Amino acid sequence: MPALPPITGLLPGIAAEVYAAGNIVWEDSVMTGPYPRDLVWIWFRDSATQRQRQEAIDAINGIVVGGYRYRPGGVYYVRIKHDGTATPLHNAI
């Protein structure tokens, strides 16, 4: 994983999958929608090391699929596996 996220937003081809109608949660008992069921945004503190960032991504079995260099800490878009529900997303958060 890079020390800073890509500047491109979502990697090419990923946006169509993430925002596909079947991947959007419109309403559940925990959060209001709409939101993708398998995408977590992680904002790191500027002081977070590359190792700490990688450990956080690994802790949720995520894959970095984009992000922004919004500030020195960066915002990472991390895709997680889901089971057709929003529960894995809630657990990751």
PDB file of N, CA and C in Angstrom:
ATOM      1  N   MET A   1       0.846  -1.169   0.000  1.00  0.00           N
ATOM      2  CA  MET A   1       0.000   0.000   0.000  1.00  0.00           C
ATOM      3  C   MET A   1       0.894   1.236   0.000  1.00  0.00           C
ATOM      4  N   PRO A   2       0.554   2.219  -0.812  1.00  0.00           N
ATOM      5  CA  PRO A   2       1.370   3.436  -0.839  1.00  0.00           C
ATOM      6  C   PRO A   2       1.216   4.251   0.433  1.00  0.00           C
ATOM      7  N   ALA A   3       2.244   5.045   0.747  1.00  0.00           N
ATOM      8  CA  ALA A   3       2.202   5.899   1.931  1.00  0.00           C
ATOM      9  C   ALA A   3       1.103   6.946   1.817  1.00  0.00           C
ATOM     10  N   LEU A   4       0.791   7.367   0.618  1.00  0.00           N
ATOM     11  CA  LEU A   4      -0.321   8.283   0.381  1.00  0.00           C
ATOM     12  C   LEU A   4      -1.235   7.665  -0.663  1.00  0.00           C
ATOM     13  N   PRO A   5      -2.526   7.938  -0.591  1.00  0.00           N
ATOM     14  CA  PRO A   5      -3.453   7.351  -1.560  1.00  0.00           C
ATOM     15  C   PRO A   5      -3.280   7.963  -2.941  1.00  0.00           C
ATOM     16  N   PRO A   6      -3.810   7.272  -3.957  1.00  0.00           N
ATOM     17  CA  PRO A   6      -3.804   7.856  -5.305  1.00  0.00           C
ATOM     18  C   PRO A   6      -4.608   9.158  -5.306  1.00  0.00           C
ATOM     19  N   ILE A   7      -4.365   9.979  -6.295  1.00  0.00           N
ATOM     20  CA  ILE A   7      -5.087  11.252  -6.378  1.00  0.00           C
ATOM     21  C   ILE A   7      -6.303  11.115  -7.287  1.00  0.00           C
ATOM     22  N   THR A   8      -6.563   9.961  -7.804  1.00  0.00           N
ATOM     23  CA  THR A   8      -7.526   9.786  -8.876  1.00  0.00           C
ATOM     24  C   THR A   8      -8.967   9.560  -8.447  1.00  0.00           C
ATOM     25  N   GLY A   9      -9.270   9.501  -7.182  1.00  0.00           N
ATOM     26  CA  GLY A   9     -10.600   9.089  -6.763  1.00  0.00           C
ATOM     27  C   GLY A   9     -10.607   7.573  -6.736  1.00  0.00           C
ATOM     28  N   LEU A  10     -11.590   6.952  -7.359  1.00  0.00           N
ATOM     29  CA  LEU A  10     -11.617   5.494  -7.458  1.00  0.00           C
ATOM     30  C   LEU A  10     -10.819   5.050  -8.677  1.00  0.00           C
ATOM     31  N   LEU A  11     -10.156   3.912  -8.553  1.00  0.00           N
ATOM     32  CA  LEU A  11      -9.398   3.388  -9.671  1.00  0.00           C
ATOM     33  C   LEU A  11     -10.338   3.086 -10.838  1.00  0.00           C
ATOM     34  N   PRO A  12      -9.832   3.155 -12.075  1.00  0.00           N
ATOM     35  CA  PRO A  12     -10.683   2.915 -13.239  1.00  0.00           C
ATOM     36  C   PRO A  12     -11.414   1.571 -13.152  1.00  0.00           C
ATOM     37  N   GLY A  13     -12.679   1.580 -13.502  1.00  0.00           N
ATOM     38  CA  GLY A  13     -13.480   0.367 -13.502  1.00  0.00           C
ATOM     39  C   GLY A  13     -14.121   0.044 -12.165  1.00  0.00           C
ATOM     40  N   ILE A  14     -13.591   0.570 -11.079  1.00  0.00           N
ATOM     41  CA  ILE A  14     -14.106   0.263  -9.747  1.00  0.00           C
ATOM     42  C   ILE A  14     -15.401   1.042  -9.473  1.00  0.00           C
ATOM     43  N   ALA A  15     -15.470   2.275  -9.924  1.00  0.00           N
ATOM     44  CA  ALA A  15     -16.637   3.113  -9.631  1.00  0.00           C
ATOM     45  C   ALA A  15     -17.923   2.467 -10.128  1.00  0.00           C
ATOM     46  N   ALA A  16     -17.899   1.886 -11.309  1.00  0.00           N
ATOM     47  CA  ALA A  16     -19.104   1.258 -11.851  1.00  0.00           C
ATOM     48  C   ALA A  16     -19.563   0.102 -10.967  1.00  0.00           C
ATOM     49  N   GLU A  17     -18.623  -0.666 -10.426  1.00  0.00           N
ATOM     50  CA  GLU A  17     -18.978  -1.779  -9.543  1.00  0.00           C
ATOM     51  C   GLU A  17     -19.481  -1.272  -8.202  1.00  0.00           C
ATOM     52  N   VAL A  18     -18.766  -0.339  -7.618  1.00  0.00           N
ATOM     53  CA  VAL A  18     -19.104   0.168  -6.289  1.00  0.00           C
ATOM     54  C   VAL A  18     -20.470   0.852  -6.295  1.00  0.00           C
ATOM     55  N   TYR A  19     -20.755   1.608  -7.347  1.00  0.00           N
ATOM     56  CA  TYR A  19     -21.998   2.370  -7.398  1.00  0.00           C
ATOM     57  C   TYR A  19     -23.095   1.695  -8.223  1.00  0.00           C
ATOM     58  N   ALA A  20     -22.932   0.418  -8.531  1.00  0.00           N
ATOM     59  CA  ALA A  20     -23.978  -0.331  -9.231  1.00  0.00           C
ATOM     60  C   ALA A  20     -25.217  -0.410  -8.350  1.00  0.00           C
ATOM     61  N   ALA A  21     -26.373  -0.394  -8.959  1.00  0.00           N
ATOM     62  CA  ALA A  21     -27.635  -0.376  -8.204  1.00  0.00           C
ATOM     63  C   ALA A  21     -27.719  -1.501  -7.180  1.00  0.00           C
ATOM     64  N   GLY A  22     -27.248  -2.684  -7.510  1.00  0.00           N
ATOM     65  CA  GLY A  22     -27.318  -3.817  -6.598  1.00  0.00           C
ATOM     66  C   GLY A  22     -26.356  -3.743  -5.428  1.00  0.00           C
ATOM     67  N   ASN A  23     -25.429  -2.788  -5.463  1.00  0.00           N
ATOM     68  CA  ASN A  23     -24.445  -2.652  -4.392  1.00  0.00           C
ATOM     69  C   ASN A  23     -24.785  -1.506  -3.440  1.00  0.00           C
ATOM     70  N   ILE A  24     -25.864  -0.821  -3.700  1.00  0.00           N
ATOM     71  CA  ILE A  24     -26.243   0.340  -2.897  1.00  0.00           C
ATOM     72  C   ILE A  24     -27.242  -0.063  -1.813  1.00  0.00           C
ATOM     73  N   VAL A  25     -26.988   0.392  -0.600  1.00  0.00           N
ATOM     74  CA  VAL A  25     -27.905   0.192   0.516  1.00  0.00           C
ATOM     75  C   VAL A  25     -28.741   1.467   0.628  1.00  0.00           C
ATOM     76  N   TRP A  26     -30.038   1.306   0.596  1.00  0.00           N
ATOM     77  CA  TRP A  26     -30.919   2.465   0.675  1.00  0.00           C
ATOM     78  C   TRP A  26     -31.387   2.733   2.098  1.00  0.00           C
ATOM     79  N   GLU A  27     -31.492   1.678   2.873  1.00  0.00           N
ATOM     80  CA  GLU A  27     -31.963   1.865   4.240  1.00  0.00           C
ATOM     81  C   GLU A  27     -31.630   0.608   5.032  1.00  0.00           C
ATOM     82  N   ASP A  28     -31.153   0.802   6.241  1.00  0.00           N
ATOM     83  CA  ASP A  28     -30.988  -0.324   7.149  1.00  0.00           C
ATOM     84  C   ASP A  28     -31.190   0.187   8.574  1.00  0.00           C
ATOM     85  N   SER A  29     -31.032  -0.675   9.546  1.00  0.00           N
ATOM     86  CA  SER A  29     -31.332  -0.293  10.925  1.00  0.00           C
ATOM     87  C   SER A  29     -30.213   0.507  11.592  1.00  0.00           C
ATOM     88  N   VAL A  30     -29.071   0.650  10.919  1.00  0.00           N
ATOM     89  CA  VAL A  30     -27.932   1.319  11.534  1.00  0.00           C
ATOM     90  C   VAL A  30     -27.654   2.695  10.918  1.00  0.00           C
ATOM     91  N   MET A  31     -27.662   2.767   9.580  1.00  0.00           N
ATOM     92  CA  MET A  31     -27.330   4.014   8.890  1.00  0.00           C
ATOM     93  C   MET A  31     -28.380   4.300   7.822  1.00  0.00           C
ATOM     94  N   THR A  32     -28.494   5.553   7.466  1.00  0.00           N
ATOM     95  CA  THR A  32     -29.389   5.910   6.378  1.00  0.00           C
ATOM     96  C   THR A  32     -28.605   5.932   5.077  1.00  0.00           C
ATOM     97  N   GLY A  33     -29.237   5.570   4.011  1.00  0.00           N
ATOM     98  CA  GLY A  33     -28.585   5.485   2.710  1.00  0.00           C
ATOM     99  C   GLY A  33     -28.912   6.695   1.863  1.00  0.00           C
ATOM    100  N   PRO A  34     -28.524   6.642   0.646  1.00  0.00           N
ATOM    101  CA  PRO A  34     -27.869   5.530  -0.037  1.00  0.00           C
ATOM    102  C   PRO A  34     -26.350   5.556   0.147  1.00  0.00           C
ATOM    103  N   TYR A  35     -25.771   4.355   0.202  1.00  0.00           N
ATOM    104  CA  TYR A  35     -24.322   4.219   0.278  1.00  0.00           C
ATOM    105  C   TYR A  35     -23.909   2.837  -0.237  1.00  0.00           C
ATOM    106  N   PRO A  36     -22.675   2.732  -0.761  1.00  0.00           N
ATOM    107  CA  PRO A  36     -22.192   1.422  -1.214  1.00  0.00           C
ATOM    108  C   PRO A  36     -21.952   0.501  -0.024  1.00  0.00           C
ATOM    109  N   ARG A  37     -22.336  -0.754  -0.157  1.00  0.00           N
ATOM    110  CA  ARG A  37     -22.206  -1.699   0.957  1.00  0.00           C
ATOM    111  C   ARG A  37     -20.783  -2.217   1.151  1.00  0.00           C
ATOM    112  N   ASP A  38     -19.868  -1.880   0.245  1.00  0.00           N
ATOM    113  CA  ASP A  38     -18.524  -2.456   0.343  1.00  0.00           C
ATOM    114  C   ASP A  38     -17.402  -1.430   0.223  1.00  0.00           C
ATOM    115  N   LEU A  39     -17.676  -0.178   0.547  1.00  0.00           N
ATOM    116  CA  LEU A  39     -16.653   0.863   0.419  1.00  0.00           C
ATOM    117  C   LEU A  39     -16.546   1.655   1.716  1.00  0.00           C
ATOM    118  N   VAL A  40     -15.335   1.682   2.276  1.00  0.00           N
ATOM    119  CA  VAL A  40     -15.051   2.429   3.501  1.00  0.00           C
ATOM    120  C   VAL A  40     -14.091   3.557   3.150  1.00  0.00           C
ATOM    121  N   TRP A  41     -14.359   4.730   3.657  1.00  0.00           N
ATOM    122  CA  TRP A  41     -13.418   5.847   3.533  1.00  0.00           C
ATOM    123  C   TRP A  41     -12.649   5.911   4.834  1.00  0.00           C
ATOM    124  N   ILE A  42     -11.336   5.899   4.738  1.00  0.00           N
ATOM    125  CA  ILE A  42     -10.508   5.985   5.945  1.00  0.00           C
ATOM    126  C   ILE A  42      -9.641   7.241   5.847  1.00  0.00           C
ATOM    127  N   TRP A  43      -9.827   8.119   6.805  1.00  0.00           N
ATOM    128  CA  TRP A  43      -9.024   9.336   6.895  1.00  0.00           C
ATOM    129  C   TRP A  43      -8.007   9.123   7.987  1.00  0.00           C
ATOM    130  N   PHE A  44      -6.755   9.172   7.628  1.00  0.00           N
ATOM    131  CA  PHE A  44      -5.691   8.968   8.599  1.00  0.00           C
ATOM    132  C   PHE A  44      -5.183  10.299   9.128  1.00  0.00           C
ATOM    133  N   ARG A  45      -4.725  10.268  10.364  1.00  0.00           N
ATOM    134  CA  ARG A  45      -4.037  11.438  10.902  1.00  0.00           C
ATOM    135  C   ARG A  45      -2.756  11.645  10.100  1.00  0.00           C
ATOM    136  N   ASP A  46      -2.336  12.871  10.039  1.00  0.00           N
ATOM    137  CA  ASP A  46      -1.124  13.187   9.290  1.00  0.00           C
ATOM    138  C   ASP A  46       0.079  12.424   9.827  1.00  0.00           C
ATOM    139  N   SER A  47       0.071  12.118  11.116  1.00  0.00           N
ATOM    140  CA  SER A  47       1.204  11.450  11.748  1.00  0.00           C
ATOM    141  C   SER A  47       1.186   9.927  11.586  1.00  0.00           C
ATOM    142  N   ALA A  48       0.129   9.357  11.014  1.00  0.00           N
ATOM    143  CA  ALA A  48       0.050   7.898  10.865  1.00  0.00           C
ATOM    144  C   ALA A  48       1.159   7.407   9.933  1.00  0.00           C
ATOM    145  N   THR A  49       1.866   6.387  10.381  1.00  0.00           N
ATOM    146  CA  THR A  49       2.939   5.824   9.558  1.00  0.00           C
ATOM    147  C   THR A  49       2.351   4.913   8.492  1.00  0.00           C
ATOM    148  N   GLN A  50       3.163   4.580   7.506  1.00  0.00           N
ATOM    149  CA  GLN A  50       2.722   3.668   6.461  1.00  0.00           C
ATOM    150  C   GLN A  50       2.350   2.329   7.072  1.00  0.00           C
ATOM    151  N   ARG A  51       3.105   1.890   8.057  1.00  0.00           N
ATOM    152  CA  ARG A  51       2.817   0.619   8.721  1.00  0.00           C
ATOM    153  C   ARG A  51       1.456   0.657   9.434  1.00  0.00           C
ATOM    154  N   GLN A  52       1.160   1.738  10.133  1.00  0.00           N
ATOM    155  CA  GLN A  52      -0.128   1.875  10.811  1.00  0.00           C
ATOM    156  C   GLN A  52      -1.282   1.881   9.810  1.00  0.00           C
ATOM    157  N   ARG A  53      -1.070   2.524   8.699  1.00  0.00           N
ATOM    158  CA  ARG A  53      -2.095   2.562   7.656  1.00  0.00           C
ATOM    159  C   ARG A  53      -2.357   1.159   7.125  1.00  0.00           C
ATOM    160  N   GLN A  54      -1.272   0.439   6.850  1.00  0.00           N
ATOM    161  CA  GLN A  54      -1.411  -0.921   6.328  1.00  0.00           C
ATOM    162  C   GLN A  54      -2.102  -1.826   7.341  1.00  0.00           C
ATOM    163  N   GLU A  55      -1.755  -1.695   8.605  1.00  0.00           N
ATOM    164  CA  GLU A  55      -2.389  -2.504   9.653  1.00  0.00           C
ATOM    165  C   GLU A  55      -3.890  -2.235   9.743  1.00  0.00           C
ATOM    166  N   ALA A  56      -4.290  -0.984   9.575  1.00  0.00           N
ATOM    167  CA  ALA A  56      -5.717  -0.647   9.618  1.00  0.00           C
ATOM    168  C   ALA A  56      -6.457  -1.277   8.440  1.00  0.00           C
ATOM    169  N   ILE A  57      -5.862  -1.221   7.264  1.00  0.00           N
ATOM    170  CA  ILE A  57      -6.474  -1.821   6.063  1.00  0.00           C
ATOM    171  C   ILE A  57      -6.553  -3.336   6.242  1.00  0.00           C
ATOM    172  N   ASP A  58      -5.481  -3.926   6.726  1.00  0.00           N
ATOM    173  CA  ASP A  58      -5.450  -5.379   6.936  1.00  0.00           C
ATOM    174  C   ASP A  58      -6.469  -5.821   7.980  1.00  0.00           C
ATOM    175  N   ALA A  59      -6.713  -4.999   8.997  1.00  0.00           N
ATOM    176  CA  ALA A  59      -7.639  -5.355  10.075  1.00  0.00           C
ATOM    177  C   ALA A  59      -9.064  -5.558   9.573  1.00  0.00           C
ATOM    178  N   ILE A  60      -9.414  -4.924   8.457  1.00  0.00           N
ATOM    179  CA  ILE A  60     -10.753  -5.089   7.894  1.00  0.00           C
ATOM    180  C   ILE A  60     -10.721  -5.899   6.595  1.00  0.00           C
ATOM    181  N   ASN A  61      -9.567  -6.534   6.322  1.00  0.00           N
ATOM    182  CA  ASN A  61      -9.399  -7.320   5.096  1.00  0.00           C
ATOM    183  C   ASN A  61      -9.765  -6.507   3.866  1.00  0.00           C
ATOM    184  N   GLY A  62      -9.308  -5.261   3.852  1.00  0.00           N
ATOM    185  CA  GLY A  62      -9.648  -4.352   2.766  1.00  0.00           C
ATOM    186  C   GLY A  62      -8.588  -4.263   1.695  1.00  0.00           C
ATOM    187  N   ILE A  63      -9.006  -3.683   0.580  1.00  0.00           N
ATOM    188  CA  ILE A  63      -8.115  -3.417  -0.549  1.00  0.00           C
ATOM    189  C   ILE A  63      -8.283  -1.951  -0.921  1.00  0.00           C
ATOM    190  N   VAL A  64      -7.182  -1.221  -0.996  1.00  0.00           N
ATOM    191  CA  VAL A  64      -7.228   0.191  -1.384  1.00  0.00           C
ATOM    192  C   VAL A  64      -7.582   0.271  -2.869  1.00  0.00           C
ATOM    193  N   VAL A  65      -8.678   0.995  -3.161  1.00  0.00           N
ATOM    194  CA  VAL A  65      -9.128   1.124  -4.540  1.00  0.00           C
ATOM    195  C   VAL A  65      -9.135   2.575  -5.005  1.00  0.00           C
ATOM    196  N   GLY A  66      -8.546   3.444  -4.206  1.00  0.00           N
ATOM    197  CA  GLY A  66      -8.464   4.846  -4.589  1.00  0.00           C
ATOM    198  C   GLY A  66      -8.304   5.717  -3.368  1.00  0.00           C
ATOM    199  N   GLY A  67      -8.482   7.001  -3.583  1.00  0.00           N
ATOM    200  CA  GLY A  67      -8.364   7.951  -2.498  1.00  0.00           C
ATOM    201  C   GLY A  67      -7.989   9.319  -3.003  1.00  0.00           C
ATOM    202  N   TYR A  68      -7.729  10.195  -2.075  1.00  0.00           N
ATOM    203  CA  TYR A  68      -7.313  11.561  -2.386  1.00  0.00           C
ATOM    204  C   TYR A  68      -6.258  11.999  -1.402  1.00  0.00           C
ATOM    205  N   ARG A  69      -5.395  12.843  -1.860  1.00  0.00           N
ATOM    206  CA  ARG A  69      -4.410  13.474  -0.979  1.00  0.00           C
ATOM    207  C   ARG A  69      -5.030  14.759  -0.447  1.00  0.00           C
ATOM    208  N   TYR A  70      -6.165  14.562   0.228  1.00  0.00           N
ATOM    209  CA  TYR A  70      -6.970  15.669   0.741  1.00  0.00           C
ATOM    210  C   TYR A  70      -6.192  16.529   1.718  1.00  0.00           C
ATOM    211  N   ARG A  71      -5.363  15.916   2.467  1.00  0.00           N
ATOM    212  CA  ARG A  71      -4.472  16.574   3.418  1.00  0.00           C
ATOM    213  C   ARG A  71      -3.269  15.639   3.542  1.00  0.00           C
ATOM    214  N   PRO A  72      -2.235  15.980   4.281  1.00  0.00           N
ATOM    215  CA  PRO A  72      -1.068  15.095   4.340  1.00  0.00           C
ATOM    216  C   PRO A  72      -1.374  13.658   4.753  1.00  0.00           C
ATOM    217  N   GLY A  73      -2.387  13.435   5.597  1.00  0.00           N
ATOM    218  CA  GLY A  73      -2.734  12.075   6.010  1.00  0.00           C
ATOM    219  C   GLY A  73      -3.443  11.290   4.932  1.00  0.00           C
ATOM    220  N   GLY A  74      -4.148  11.965   4.076  1.00  0.00           N
ATOM    221  CA  GLY A  74      -4.833  11.321   2.976  1.00  0.00           C
ATOM    222  C   GLY A  74      -6.127  10.630   3.351  1.00  0.00           C
ATOM    223  N   VAL A  75      -6.969  10.451   2.351  1.00  0.00           N
ATOM    224  CA  VAL A  75      -8.216   9.716   2.474  1.00  0.00           C
ATOM    225  C   VAL A  75      -8.095   8.511   1.558  1.00  0.00           C
ATOM    226  N   TYR A  76      -8.263   7.328   2.122  1.00  0.00           N
ATOM    227  CA  TYR A  76      -8.170   6.091   1.354  1.00  0.00           C
ATOM    228  C   TYR A  76      -9.561   5.530   1.136  1.00  0.00           C
ATOM    229  N   TYR A  77      -9.857   5.100  -0.084  1.00  0.00           N
ATOM    230  CA  TYR A  77     -11.087   4.377  -0.380  1.00  0.00           C
ATOM    231  C   TYR A  77     -10.730   2.904  -0.316  1.00  0.00           C
ATOM    232  N   VAL A  78     -11.380   2.195   0.578  1.00  0.00           N
ATOM    233  CA  VAL A  78     -11.033   0.796   0.837  1.00  0.00           C
ATOM    234  C   VAL A  78     -12.255  -0.072   0.577  1.00  0.00           C
ATOM    235  N   ARG A  79     -12.066  -1.053  -0.264  1.00  0.00           N
ATOM    236  CA  ARG A  79     -13.158  -1.970  -0.581  1.00  0.00           C
ATOM    237  C   ARG A  79     -13.045  -3.201   0.303  1.00  0.00           C
ATOM    238  N   ILE A  80     -14.184  -3.643   0.827  1.00  0.00           N
ATOM    239  CA  ILE A  80     -14.225  -4.828   1.669  1.00  0.00           C
ATOM    240  C   ILE A  80     -15.153  -5.861   1.037  1.00  0.00           C
ATOM    241  N   LYS A  81     -15.025  -7.101   1.466  1.00  0.00           N
ATOM    242  CA  LYS A  81     -15.935  -8.141   1.003  1.00  0.00           C
ATOM    243  C   LYS A  81     -17.252  -7.998   1.749  1.00  0.00           C
ATOM    244  N   HIS A  82     -18.344  -8.280   1.054  1.00  0.00           N
ATOM    245  CA  HIS A  82     -19.653  -8.207   1.706  1.00  0.00           C
ATOM    246  C   HIS A  82     -20.415  -9.502   1.463  1.00  0.00           C
ATOM    247  N   ASP A  83     -21.474  -9.672   2.203  1.00  0.00           N
ATOM    248  CA  ASP A  83     -22.290 -10.878   2.102  1.00  0.00           C
ATOM    249  C   ASP A  83     -23.680 -10.570   1.556  1.00  0.00           C
ATOM    250  N   GLY A  84     -23.804  -9.431   0.878  1.00  0.00           N
ATOM    251  CA  GLY A  84     -25.098  -9.020   0.358  1.00  0.00           C
ATOM    252  C   GLY A  84     -25.850  -8.107   1.316  1.00  0.00           C
ATOM    253  N   THR A  85     -25.277  -7.910   2.495  1.00  0.00           N
ATOM    254  CA  THR A  85     -25.875  -7.015   3.487  1.00  0.00           C
ATOM    255  C   THR A  85     -24.872  -5.904   3.805  1.00  0.00           C
ATOM    256  N   ALA A  86     -25.284  -4.981   4.649  1.00  0.00           N
ATOM    257  CA  ALA A  86     -24.381  -3.909   5.087  1.00  0.00           C
ATOM    258  C   ALA A  86     -23.634  -4.278   6.360  1.00  0.00           C
ATOM    259  N   THR A  87     -23.869  -5.457   6.908  1.00  0.00           N
ATOM    260  CA  THR A  87     -23.231  -5.853   8.172  1.00  0.00           C
ATOM    261  C   THR A  87     -21.704  -5.832   8.105  1.00  0.00           C
ATOM    262  N   PRO A  88     -21.057  -6.385   7.065  1.00  0.00           N
ATOM    263  CA  PRO A  88     -19.600  -6.303   7.025  1.00  0.00           C
ATOM    264  C   PRO A  88     -19.083  -4.852   7.009  1.00  0.00           C
ATOM    265  N   LEU A  89     -19.824  -3.965   6.362  1.00  0.00           N
ATOM    266  CA  LEU A  89     -19.437  -2.555   6.362  1.00  0.00           C
ATOM    267  C   LEU A  89     -19.555  -1.978   7.765  1.00  0.00           C
ATOM    268  N   HIS A  90     -20.642  -2.250   8.444  1.00  0.00           N
ATOM    269  CA  HIS A  90     -20.806  -1.759   9.819  1.00  0.00           C
ATOM    270  C   HIS A  90     -19.690  -2.292  10.709  1.00  0.00           C
ATOM    271  N   ASN A  91     -19.350  -3.558  10.553  1.00  0.00           N
ATOM    272  CA  ASN A  91     -18.269  -4.152  11.356  1.00  0.00           C
ATOM    273  C   ASN A  91     -16.927  -3.500  11.048  1.00  0.00           C
ATOM    274  N   ALA A  92     -16.670  -3.212   9.798  1.00  0.00           N
ATOM    275  CA  ALA A  92     -15.406  -2.581   9.412  1.00  0.00           C
ATOM    276  C   ALA A  92     -15.296  -1.172   9.989  1.00  0.00           C
ATOM    277  N   ILE A  93     -16.396  -0.460   9.950  1.00  0.00           N
ATOM    278  CA  ILE A  93     -16.391   0.909  10.479  1.00  0.00           C
ATOM    279  C   ILE A  93     -16.168   0.869  11.978  1.00  0.00           C
TER     280      ILE A  93
END
